[in-house]
Protein backbone atom coordinates (compact mmCIF):
# COMPACT_ATOMS: atom_id res chain seq x y z
CA MET A 1 94.72 96.82 109.91
CA ALA A 2 98.32 97.47 110.19
CA LYS A 3 99.42 100.90 111.29
CA ILE A 4 100.53 102.98 108.24
CA LYS A 5 103.83 105.03 109.00
CA ILE A 6 103.26 108.75 108.57
CA ASP A 7 106.61 108.37 106.36
CA SER A 8 104.43 106.76 103.65
CA TYR A 9 102.16 109.66 103.55
CA GLU A 10 104.90 112.23 103.47
CA ALA A 11 106.54 110.15 100.53
CA LEU A 12 103.15 110.19 98.58
CA ALA A 13 102.63 113.99 99.16
CA THR A 14 106.29 114.79 98.25
CA VAL A 15 105.95 112.50 95.03
CA ILE A 16 102.84 114.31 94.20
CA ASP A 17 104.24 117.86 94.98
CA GLU A 18 107.39 117.33 93.12
CA GLY A 19 105.93 115.17 90.08
CA SER A 20 108.57 112.17 90.15
CA PHE A 21 110.12 109.72 92.47
CA SER A 22 113.60 111.29 91.69
CA ALA A 23 112.58 114.74 92.80
CA ALA A 24 110.92 113.36 95.79
CA ALA A 25 114.08 111.31 96.86
CA ASP A 26 116.14 114.36 96.48
CA VAL A 27 113.70 116.60 98.92
CA LEU A 28 113.45 113.77 101.32
CA GLY A 29 117.03 112.47 101.31
CA TYR A 30 116.24 108.90 100.26
CA THR A 31 116.81 106.86 97.17
CA PRO A 32 114.11 106.86 94.29
CA SER A 33 113.97 102.96 95.12
CA ALA A 34 113.31 103.82 98.81
CA ILE A 35 110.42 106.37 97.83
CA SER A 36 108.86 103.71 95.45
CA LYS A 37 108.81 100.92 98.19
CA GLN A 38 107.21 103.29 100.84
CA ILE A 39 104.48 104.18 98.04
CA THR A 40 104.21 100.38 97.32
CA LEU A 41 103.96 99.62 101.22
CA LEU A 42 101.15 102.26 101.38
CA GLU A 43 99.34 101.09 98.32
CA GLN A 44 99.19 97.36 99.85
CA GLN A 45 98.05 98.74 103.15
CA VAL A 46 95.12 100.76 102.01
CA GLY A 47 94.23 98.26 99.32
CA VAL A 48 94.38 100.47 96.37
CA LYS A 49 96.55 102.12 93.78
CA LEU A 50 97.25 105.67 94.85
CA LEU A 51 99.35 106.73 91.71
CA SER A 52 98.71 106.19 88.13
CA ARG A 53 102.22 105.69 86.72
CA ASN A 54 103.52 105.36 83.12
CA THR A 55 106.95 105.90 81.35
CA ARG A 56 106.37 109.56 80.90
CA SER A 57 104.43 110.77 84.01
CA LEU A 58 102.54 109.90 87.19
CA CYS A 59 99.18 111.31 88.76
CA PRO A 60 97.26 110.54 91.74
CA THR A 61 94.32 108.38 91.67
CA GLU A 62 91.22 109.69 93.37
CA ALA A 63 92.36 107.42 96.34
CA GLY A 64 95.81 108.94 95.98
CA LYS A 65 94.09 112.39 96.07
CA HIS A 66 92.37 111.34 99.47
CA CYS A 67 95.40 110.11 101.06
CA TYR A 68 97.43 113.30 99.56
CA GLN A 69 94.92 115.47 101.59
CA LYS A 70 95.56 113.49 104.61
CA ALA A 71 99.12 113.89 104.35
CA LYS A 72 98.89 117.70 104.07
CA VAL A 73 96.70 117.99 107.44
């Protein structure tokens, strides 16, 4: 398995904490697109969806909650 960058976990945790990709991007100093790419990369590496997204909101899946806890350690 490829090594996962801590930046991806930090991006996930910040998206969950802030509630959106845009807000997380502001906090981390990246574009929303860059944050989205980090989350997609992390999802590909762990093999599961980490965020349930729709046009109005996003929330972590069970796997996302697990990764969030890992990021907060």
